[in-house]
Amino acid sequence: MRRWVETLVERAGAAGNLPTIQKLWAFDRGRPAFGDPHTHLPQSYGTRLLNLVLALVALIILLPVLLIVAVLVWSTSRGPIFYTQTRVGMDRREPLDPNKNHRRQLDIGGKPFTIYKFRTMRVDAEQACGAVWAQKQDPRVTTVGRFLRQYRLDELPQLLNVLKGEMNIVGPRPERPTIFAELREHIAEYPLRQRAKPGITGLAQINHHYDSSLEDVRKKVHYDLEYIRRQSVLEDLRIMLKTLPVILLRRGGW
């Protein structure tokens, strides 16, 4: 897979020269999974062990913070403490061959899962406008929610998703099925980021702010594909360390 993604990243910068997704998957089909060159462990085993241990330790250490945030959300706005939503997870499947019969009738881009977050918006936030990106000074965001979003504290419940094996601490951010379907129509390489398990933070998150336009997404896709090319336990640890100043200095959050 690494050689496949390297080919993609090299060509992604040239407009109109991006190979089709079908061709890239066909190129990669049948190649063995790469191990981690630094730990000499199979990449999936080493990464899963790292994420399981860190998520468990983080939940124990941050339990007082989680309880305080839960009380603040509950006491300052009407509605549930947690916000759950269906997101598109990792896609382990090969692309469909249109010349063959298959049972997959709906391809949403990956395996769907339920993501957990602290609620930061009013309960009726999407009744009028539907699914849209949050903006600076978004009136739908509660007072406590704005603080949580600036310091990314609303993402902490996703440590449960990591324990369940649905996410990693580091990886491309998962998107909603409706928004995913829209983005893959405009960005040809967007589905390729689903070849990695989604994460709480990632190379895109430490280098770019929240999405507010299609151009923001394009930039983040480039970072996501670069992460997949370089993915390893040490790379994950490096991104985790670089996430700390992003949180503490409130970079890119609103």
C-alpha atoms as a PDB file:
ATOM      1  CA  MET A   1       0.000   0.000   0.000  1.00  0.00           C
ATOM      2  CA  ARG A   2       2.829   2.402   0.762  1.00  0.00           C
ATOM      3  CA  ARG A   3       4.113   2.442  -2.817  1.00  0.00           C
ATOM      4  CA  TRP A   4       0.552   2.965  -4.039  1.00  0.00           C
ATOM      5  CA  VAL A   5       0.008   6.014  -1.812  1.00  0.00           C
ATOM      6  CA  GLU A   6       3.436   7.411  -2.679  1.00  0.00           C
ATOM      7  CA  THR A   7       2.395   7.308  -6.324  1.00  0.00           C
ATOM      8  CA  LEU A   8      -0.823   9.128  -5.471  1.00  0.00           C
ATOM      9  CA  VAL A   9       0.835  11.867  -3.408  1.00  0.00           C
ATOM     10  CA  GLU A  10       3.446  12.521  -6.095  1.00  0.00           C
ATOM     11  CA  ARG A  11       0.787  12.922  -8.764  1.00  0.00           C
ATOM     12  CA  ALA A  12      -1.839  14.722  -6.690  1.00  0.00           C
ATOM     13  CA  GLY A  13      -0.093  18.054  -7.091  1.00  0.00           C
ATOM     14  CA  ALA A  14      -0.457  18.040 -10.864  1.00  0.00           C
ATOM     15  CA  ALA A  15      -3.915  19.207 -11.902  1.00  0.00           C
ATOM     16  CA  GLY A  16      -5.645  16.788 -14.217  1.00  0.00           C
ATOM     17  CA  ASN A  17      -2.935  14.187 -13.790  1.00  0.00           C
ATOM     18  CA  LEU A  18      -4.434  12.226 -10.898  1.00  0.00           C
ATOM     19  CA  PRO A  19      -4.837   8.509 -11.704  1.00  0.00           C
ATOM     20  CA  THR A  20      -8.296   7.094 -11.183  1.00  0.00           C
ATOM     21  CA  ILE A  21      -9.173   5.411  -7.906  1.00  0.00           C
ATOM     22  CA  GLN A  22      -9.960   2.154  -9.684  1.00  0.00           C
ATOM     23  CA  LYS A  23      -6.495   2.064 -11.274  1.00  0.00           C
ATOM     24  CA  LEU A  24      -4.745   2.804  -7.977  1.00  0.00           C
ATOM     25  CA  TRP A  25      -6.623   0.059  -6.152  1.00  0.00           C
ATOM     26  CA  ALA A  26      -5.914  -2.362  -8.980  1.00  0.00           C
ATOM     27  CA  PHE A  27      -2.225  -1.481  -8.693  1.00  0.00           C
ATOM     28  CA  ASP A  28      -2.243  -2.178  -4.967  1.00  0.00           C
ATOM     29  CA  ARG A  29      -4.375  -5.354  -5.053  1.00  0.00           C
ATOM     30  CA  GLY A  30      -2.594  -8.395  -3.723  1.00  0.00           C
ATOM     31  CA  ARG A  31       0.318  -6.542  -2.140  1.00  0.00           C
ATOM     32  CA  PRO A  32       1.278  -7.629   1.387  1.00  0.00           C
ATOM     33  CA  ALA A  33       0.640  -5.299   4.324  1.00  0.00           C
ATOM     34  CA  PHE A  34       3.650  -3.339   5.480  1.00  0.00           C
ATOM     35  CA  GLY A  35       5.039  -3.716   8.948  1.00  0.00           C
ATOM     36  CA  ASP A  36       6.377  -0.912  11.073  1.00  0.00           C
ATOM     37  CA  PRO A  37      10.062  -0.466  10.103  1.00  0.00           C
ATOM     38  CA  HIS A  38      10.884   1.017  13.509  1.00  0.00           C
ATOM     39  CA  THR A  39       9.351  -1.623  15.790  1.00  0.00           C
ATOM     40  CA  HIS A  40       9.515  -4.650  13.446  1.00  0.00           C
ATOM     41  CA  LEU A  41       5.918  -5.449  14.438  1.00  0.00           C
ATOM     42  CA  PRO A  42       3.087  -5.901  11.966  1.00  0.00           C
ATOM     43  CA  GLN A  43       1.700  -2.404  11.541  1.00  0.00           C
ATOM     44  CA  SER A  44      -1.862  -3.346  12.477  1.00  0.00           C
ATOM     45  CA  TYR A  45      -0.719  -5.124  15.672  1.00  0.00           C
ATOM     46  CA  GLY A  46       1.664  -2.420  16.837  1.00  0.00           C
ATOM     47  CA  THR A  47      -0.760   0.399  16.091  1.00  0.00           C
ATOM     48  CA  ARG A  48      -3.705  -1.357  17.754  1.00  0.00           C
ATOM     49  CA  LEU A  49      -1.679  -2.093  20.903  1.00  0.00           C
ATOM     50  CA  LEU A  50      -0.475   1.516  21.102  1.00  0.00           C
ATOM     51  CA  ASN A  51      -3.978   2.913  20.678  1.00  0.00           C
ATOM     52  CA  LEU A  52      -5.566   0.516  23.144  1.00  0.00           C
ATOM     53  CA  VAL A  53      -3.063   1.276  25.902  1.00  0.00           C
ATOM     54  CA  LEU A  54      -3.014   5.042  25.362  1.00  0.00           C
ATOM     55  CA  ALA A  55      -6.806   5.332  25.153  1.00  0.00           C
ATOM     56  CA  LEU A  56      -7.270   3.348  28.360  1.00  0.00           C
ATOM     57  CA  VAL A  57      -4.639   5.362  30.239  1.00  0.00           C
ATOM     58  CA  ALA A  58      -6.042   8.648  28.919  1.00  0.00           C
ATOM     59  CA  LEU A  59      -9.587   7.764  30.016  1.00  0.00           C
ATOM     60  CA  ILE A  60      -8.374   6.975  33.528  1.00  0.00           C
ATOM     61  CA  ILE A  61      -6.255  10.130  33.847  1.00  0.00           C
ATOM     62  CA  LEU A  62      -8.860  12.410  32.255  1.00  0.00           C
ATOM     63  CA  LEU A  63     -11.846  11.001  34.145  1.00  0.00           C
ATOM     64  CA  PRO A  64     -12.146  14.102  36.401  1.00  0.00           C
ATOM     65  CA  VAL A  65     -12.054  16.360  33.327  1.00  0.00           C
ATOM     66  CA  LEU A  66     -14.702  14.254  31.603  1.00  0.00           C
ATOM     67  CA  LEU A  67     -16.973  14.482  34.637  1.00  0.00           C
ATOM     68  CA  ILE A  68     -16.555  18.272  34.914  1.00  0.00           C
ATOM     69  CA  VAL A  69     -17.289  18.758  31.200  1.00  0.00           C
ATOM     70  CA  ALA A  70     -20.334  16.487  31.445  1.00  0.00           C
ATOM     71  CA  VAL A  71     -21.741  18.536  34.350  1.00  0.00           C
ATOM     72  CA  LEU A  72     -21.108  21.830  32.497  1.00  0.00           C
ATOM     73  CA  VAL A  73     -22.876  20.624  29.356  1.00  0.00           C
ATOM     74  CA  TRP A  74     -25.805  19.241  31.346  1.00  0.00           C
ATOM     75  CA  SER A  75     -26.269  22.333  33.518  1.00  0.00           C
ATOM     76  CA  THR A  76     -25.917  25.077  30.887  1.00  0.00           C
ATOM     77  CA  SER A  77     -28.063  23.956  27.954  1.00  0.00           C
ATOM     78  CA  ARG A  78     -31.110  21.829  27.320  1.00  0.00           C
ATOM     79  CA  GLY A  79     -30.454  18.423  25.778  1.00  0.00           C
ATOM     80  CA  PRO A  80     -28.244  15.345  26.158  1.00  0.00           C
ATOM     81  CA  ILE A  81     -24.663  15.497  27.406  1.00  0.00           C
ATOM     82  CA  PHE A  82     -23.301  13.424  24.559  1.00  0.00           C
ATOM     83  CA  TYR A  83     -23.813  13.841  20.843  1.00  0.00           C
ATOM     84  CA  THR A  84     -23.770  10.698  18.720  1.00  0.00           C
ATOM     85  CA  GLN A  85     -23.584  10.605  14.973  1.00  0.00           C
ATOM     86  CA  THR A  86     -22.963   8.095  12.193  1.00  0.00           C
ATOM     87  CA  ARG A  87     -19.572   8.528  10.541  1.00  0.00           C
ATOM     88  CA  VAL A  88     -17.779   6.730   7.699  1.00  0.00           C
ATOM     89  CA  GLY A  89     -15.006   4.467   8.954  1.00  0.00           C
ATOM     90  CA  MET A  90     -12.204   2.527   7.341  1.00  0.00           C
ATOM     91  CA  ASP A  91     -12.797   0.945   3.948  1.00  0.00           C
ATOM     92  CA  ARG A  92     -11.128  -2.465   3.777  1.00  0.00           C
ATOM     93  CA  ARG A  93     -12.950  -3.536   0.624  1.00  0.00           C
ATOM     94  CA  GLU A  94     -11.703  -3.647  -2.926  1.00  0.00           C
ATOM     95  CA  PRO A  95     -13.611  -1.508  -5.442  1.00  0.00           C
ATOM     96  CA  LEU A  96     -16.527  -3.076  -7.242  1.00  0.00           C
ATOM     97  CA  ASP A  97     -16.068  -4.645 -10.653  1.00  0.00           C
ATOM     98  CA  PRO A  98     -19.015  -3.447 -12.756  1.00  0.00           C
ATOM     99  CA  ASN A  99     -18.727  -6.581 -14.920  1.00  0.00           C
ATOM    100  CA  LYS A 100     -19.445  -8.903 -12.005  1.00  0.00           C
ATOM    101  CA  ASN A 101     -22.485  -9.525  -9.874  1.00  0.00           C
ATOM    102  CA  HIS A 102     -22.222  -8.272  -6.292  1.00  0.00           C
ATOM    103  CA  ARG A 103     -24.415  -7.808  -3.245  1.00  0.00           C
ATOM    104  CA  ARG A 104     -23.203  -4.390  -2.182  1.00  0.00           C
ATOM    105  CA  GLN A 105     -26.056  -2.083  -3.158  1.00  0.00           C
ATOM    106  CA  LEU A 106     -24.985   1.000  -1.219  1.00  0.00           C
ATOM    107  CA  ASP A 107     -21.377   2.119  -0.970  1.00  0.00           C
ATOM    108  CA  ILE A 108     -21.066   4.921   1.588  1.00  0.00           C
ATOM    109  CA  GLY A 109     -17.260   4.872   1.421  1.00  0.00           C
ATOM    110  CA  GLY A 110     -16.394   2.676   4.406  1.00  0.00           C
ATOM    111  CA  LYS A 111     -17.777   0.860   7.420  1.00  0.00           C
ATOM    112  CA  PRO A 112     -20.245   3.110   9.283  1.00  0.00           C
ATOM    113  CA  PHE A 113     -19.899   3.540  13.037  1.00  0.00           C
ATOM    114  CA  THR A 114     -21.311   5.761  15.779  1.00  0.00           C
ATOM    115  CA  ILE A 115     -18.990   8.515  16.955  1.00  0.00           C
ATOM    116  CA  TYR A 116     -19.200  10.011  20.465  1.00  0.00           C
ATOM    117  CA  LYS A 117     -18.708  13.694  21.308  1.00  0.00           C
ATOM    118  CA  PHE A 118     -19.704  16.110  24.018  1.00  0.00           C
ATOM    119  CA  ARG A 119     -22.603  18.155  22.691  1.00  0.00           C
ATOM    120  CA  THR A 120     -21.494  21.689  21.781  1.00  0.00           C
ATOM    121  CA  MET A 121     -24.546  22.946  19.874  1.00  0.00           C
ATOM    122  CA  ARG A 122     -28.217  23.478  20.533  1.00  0.00           C
ATOM    123  CA  VAL A 123     -30.357  20.372  20.102  1.00  0.00           C
ATOM    124  CA  ASP A 124     -32.154  21.991  17.142  1.00  0.00           C
ATOM    125  CA  ALA A 125     -28.921  23.096  15.435  1.00  0.00           C
ATOM    126  CA  GLU A 126     -29.614  21.341  12.132  1.00  0.00           C
ATOM    127  CA  GLN A 127     -33.388  21.583  11.861  1.00  0.00           C
ATOM    128  CA  ALA A 128     -33.305  24.642   9.627  1.00  0.00           C
ATOM    129  CA  CYS A 129     -30.012  24.290   7.729  1.00  0.00           C
ATOM    130  CA  GLY A 130     -29.270  20.553   7.740  1.00  0.00           C
ATOM    131  CA  ALA A 131     -25.705  19.221   7.819  1.00  0.00           C
ATOM    132  CA  VAL A 132     -23.280  22.133   7.362  1.00  0.00           C
ATOM    133  CA  TRP A 133     -19.792  22.966   8.591  1.00  0.00           C
ATOM    134  CA  ALA A 134     -19.486  25.006  11.760  1.00  0.00           C
ATOM    135  CA  GLN A 135     -18.281  28.571  11.237  1.00  0.00           C
ATOM    136  CA  LYS A 136     -16.511  31.131  13.391  1.00  0.00           C
ATOM    137  CA  GLN A 137     -18.977  32.681  15.847  1.00  0.00           C
ATOM    138  CA  ASP A 138     -21.541  30.073  14.831  1.00  0.00           C
ATOM    139  CA  PRO A 139     -24.802  30.990  16.619  1.00  0.00           C
ATOM    140  CA  ARG A 140     -25.712  27.328  16.988  1.00  0.00           C
ATOM    141  CA  VAL A 141     -22.783  26.719  19.364  1.00  0.00           C
ATOM    142  CA  THR A 142     -23.473  27.063  23.087  1.00  0.00           C
ATOM    143  CA  THR A 143     -21.258  29.145  25.389  1.00  0.00           C
ATOM    144  CA  VAL A 144     -19.725  26.052  26.989  1.00  0.00           C
ATOM    145  CA  GLY A 145     -19.593  24.387  23.587  1.00  0.00           C
ATOM    146  CA  ARG A 146     -17.467  27.191  22.162  1.00  0.00           C
ATOM    147  CA  PHE A 147     -14.920  26.693  24.935  1.00  0.00           C
ATOM    148  CA  LEU A 148     -14.911  22.925  24.396  1.00  0.00           C
ATOM    149  CA  ARG A 149     -14.414  23.280  20.656  1.00  0.00           C
ATOM    150  CA  GLN A 150     -11.546  25.745  21.037  1.00  0.00           C
ATOM    151  CA  TYR A 151      -9.635  23.309  23.222  1.00  0.00           C
ATOM    152  CA  ARG A 152     -10.942  20.212  21.351  1.00  0.00           C
ATOM    153  CA  LEU A 153     -12.358  18.842  24.622  1.00  0.00           C
ATOM    154  CA  ASP A 154     -15.557  17.821  22.853  1.00  0.00           C
ATOM    155  CA  GLU A 155     -13.564  15.083  21.105  1.00  0.00           C
ATOM    156  CA  LEU A 156     -12.493  13.287  24.307  1.00  0.00           C
ATOM    157  CA  PRO A 157     -15.388  10.753  24.311  1.00  0.00           C
ATOM    158  CA  GLN A 158     -13.934   9.368  21.087  1.00  0.00           C
ATOM    159  CA  LEU A 159     -11.422   7.553  23.259  1.00  0.00           C
ATOM    160  CA  LEU A 160     -14.303   5.084  23.644  1.00  0.00           C
ATOM    161  CA  ASN A 161     -14.348   4.667  19.862  1.00  0.00           C
ATOM    162  CA  VAL A 162     -10.632   3.897  20.049  1.00  0.00           C
ATOM    163  CA  LEU A 163     -11.205   1.227  22.708  1.00  0.00           C
ATOM    164  CA  LYS A 164     -13.895  -0.313  20.506  1.00  0.00           C
ATOM    165  CA  GLY A 165     -11.471  -0.473  17.578  1.00  0.00           C
ATOM    166  CA  GLU A 166     -13.520   1.868  15.387  1.00  0.00           C
ATOM    167  CA  MET A 167     -10.941   4.673  15.472  1.00  0.00           C
ATOM    168  CA  ASN A 168      -7.288   5.294  16.213  1.00  0.00           C
ATOM    169  CA  ILE A 169      -5.926   8.238  18.135  1.00  0.00           C
ATOM    170  CA  VAL A 170      -4.173   9.330  14.924  1.00  0.00           C
ATOM    171  CA  GLY A 171      -5.738   9.120  11.485  1.00  0.00           C
ATOM    172  CA  PRO A 172      -7.925  10.992   8.990  1.00  0.00           C
ATOM    173  CA  ARG A 173     -10.975  12.574  10.614  1.00  0.00           C
ATOM    174  CA  PRO A 174     -14.179  10.632   9.859  1.00  0.00           C
ATOM    175  CA  GLU A 175     -16.978  12.398   8.016  1.00  0.00           C
ATOM    176  CA  ARG A 176     -20.750  12.012   7.923  1.00  0.00           C
ATOM    177  CA  PRO A 177     -22.119   9.819   5.088  1.00  0.00           C
ATOM    178  CA  THR A 178     -24.060  12.676   3.474  1.00  0.00           C
ATOM    179  CA  ILE A 179     -21.074  15.039   3.499  1.00  0.00           C
ATOM    180  CA  PHE A 180     -18.735  12.208   2.431  1.00  0.00           C
ATOM    181  CA  ALA A 181     -20.942  11.510  -0.603  1.00  0.00           C
ATOM    182  CA  GLU A 182     -20.815  15.188  -1.562  1.00  0.00           C
ATOM    183  CA  LEU A 183     -17.064  15.562  -1.107  1.00  0.00           C
ATOM    184  CA  ARG A 184     -16.128  12.514  -3.168  1.00  0.00           C
ATOM    185  CA  GLU A 185     -18.076  14.019  -6.063  1.00  0.00           C
ATOM    186  CA  HIS A 186     -15.828  17.098  -5.987  1.00  0.00           C
ATOM    187  CA  ILE A 187     -12.492  15.625  -4.845  1.00  0.00           C
ATOM    188  CA  ALA A 188     -11.517  12.508  -6.801  1.00  0.00           C
ATOM    189  CA  GLU A 189      -8.939  11.288  -4.296  1.00  0.00           C
ATOM    190  CA  TYR A 190     -11.142  11.846  -1.234  1.00  0.00           C
ATOM    191  CA  PRO A 191     -12.215   8.156  -0.825  1.00  0.00           C
ATOM    192  CA  LEU A 192      -8.559   7.089  -0.691  1.00  0.00           C
ATOM    193  CA  ARG A 193      -8.200   8.514   2.813  1.00  0.00           C
ATOM    194  CA  GLN A 194     -10.590   5.775   4.003  1.00  0.00           C
ATOM    195  CA  ARG A 195      -7.814   3.220   3.544  1.00  0.00           C
ATOM    196  CA  ALA A 196      -6.628   4.182   7.032  1.00  0.00           C
ATOM    197  CA  LYS A 197      -8.636   3.904  10.237  1.00  0.00           C
ATOM    198  CA  PRO A 198     -10.085   7.315  11.211  1.00  0.00           C
ATOM    199  CA  GLY A 199      -8.522   9.194  14.109  1.00  0.00           C
ATOM    200  CA  ILE A 200      -9.155  11.788  16.809  1.00  0.00           C
ATOM    201  CA  THR A 201      -6.212  13.849  15.582  1.00  0.00           C
ATOM    202  CA  GLY A 202      -4.015  13.640  12.530  1.00  0.00           C
ATOM    203  CA  LEU A 203      -1.426  15.248  10.303  1.00  0.00           C
ATOM    204  CA  ALA A 204      -4.164  17.428   8.802  1.00  0.00           C
ATOM    205  CA  GLN A 205      -5.381  18.600  12.218  1.00  0.00           C
ATOM    206  CA  ILE A 206      -1.952  19.775  13.400  1.00  0.00           C
ATOM    207  CA  ASN A 207      -1.329  21.642  10.145  1.00  0.00           C
ATOM    208  CA  HIS A 208      -4.733  23.117   9.291  1.00  0.00           C
ATOM    209  CA  HIS A 209      -7.815  24.627  10.919  1.00  0.00           C
ATOM    210  CA  TYR A 210     -11.415  23.393  10.923  1.00  0.00           C
ATOM    211  CA  ASP A 211     -12.981  22.965   7.479  1.00  0.00           C
ATOM    212  CA  SER A 212     -14.882  25.957   6.175  1.00  0.00           C
ATOM    213  CA  SER A 213     -14.607  25.432   2.412  1.00  0.00           C
ATOM    214  CA  LEU A 214     -13.909  22.825  -0.249  1.00  0.00           C
ATOM    215  CA  GLU A 215     -10.370  24.152  -0.592  1.00  0.00           C
ATOM    216  CA  ASP A 216      -9.760  23.410   3.108  1.00  0.00           C
ATOM    217  CA  VAL A 217     -10.831  19.816   2.512  1.00  0.00           C
ATOM    218  CA  ARG A 218      -8.498  19.481  -0.479  1.00  0.00           C
ATOM    219  CA  LYS A 219      -5.555  20.617   1.637  1.00  0.00           C
ATOM    220  CA  LYS A 220      -6.457  18.181   4.399  1.00  0.00           C
ATOM    221  CA  VAL A 221      -6.810  15.288   1.961  1.00  0.00           C
ATOM    222  CA  HIS A 222      -3.221  15.916   0.876  1.00  0.00           C
ATOM    223  CA  TYR A 223      -2.093  15.709   4.518  1.00  0.00           C
ATOM    224  CA  ASP A 224      -4.176  12.564   5.080  1.00  0.00           C
ATOM    225  CA  LEU A 225      -2.629  10.773   2.121  1.00  0.00           C
ATOM    226  CA  GLU A 226       0.831  11.870   3.213  1.00  0.00           C
ATOM    227  CA  TYR A 227       0.090  10.415   6.661  1.00  0.00           C
ATOM    228  CA  ILE A 228      -0.961   7.085   5.152  1.00  0.00           C
ATOM    229  CA  ARG A 229       2.300   6.999   3.195  1.00  0.00           C
ATOM    230  CA  ARG A 230       4.367   7.611   6.355  1.00  0.00           C
ATOM    231  CA  GLN A 231       2.183   5.716   8.821  1.00  0.00           C
ATOM    232  CA  SER A 232       4.050   4.014  11.666  1.00  0.00           C
ATOM    233  CA  VAL A 233       4.006   3.855  15.461  1.00  0.00           C
ATOM    234  CA  LEU A 234       6.700   6.530  15.700  1.00  0.00           C
ATOM    235  CA  GLU A 235       4.843   8.771  13.255  1.00  0.00           C
ATOM    236  CA  ASP A 236       1.704   8.425  15.383  1.00  0.00           C
ATOM    237  CA  LEU A 237       3.634   9.374  18.521  1.00  0.00           C
ATOM    238  CA  ARG A 238       5.128  12.390  16.742  1.00  0.00           C
ATOM    239  CA  ILE A 239       1.679  13.626  15.698  1.00  0.00           C
ATOM    240  CA  MET A 240       0.299  13.061  19.216  1.00  0.00           C
ATOM    241  CA  LEU A 241       3.057  15.231  20.686  1.00  0.00           C
ATOM    242  CA  LYS A 242       2.450  17.959  18.098  1.00  0.00           C
ATOM    243  CA  THR A 243      -1.260  17.877  18.924  1.00  0.00           C
ATOM    244  CA  LEU A 244      -0.633  19.159  22.467  1.00  0.00           C
ATOM    245  CA  PRO A 245       0.397  22.723  21.483  1.00  0.00           C
ATOM    246  CA  VAL A 246      -2.478  22.814  18.969  1.00  0.00           C
ATOM    247  CA  ILE A 247      -4.888  22.151  21.850  1.00  0.00           C
ATOM    248  CA  LEU A 248      -3.238  24.342  24.459  1.00  0.00           C
ATOM    249  CA  LEU A 249      -2.750  27.316  22.119  1.00  0.00           C
ATOM    250  CA  ARG A 250      -6.219  26.895  20.554  1.00  0.00           C
ATOM    251  CA  ARG A 251      -4.871  26.701  17.023  1.00  0.00           C
ATOM    252  CA  GLY A 252      -7.472  26.232  14.301  1.00  0.00           C
ATOM    253  CA  GLY A 253     -10.440  25.606  16.578  1.00  0.00           C
ATOM    254  CA  TRP A 254     -13.702  27.538  16.811  1.00  0.00           C
END
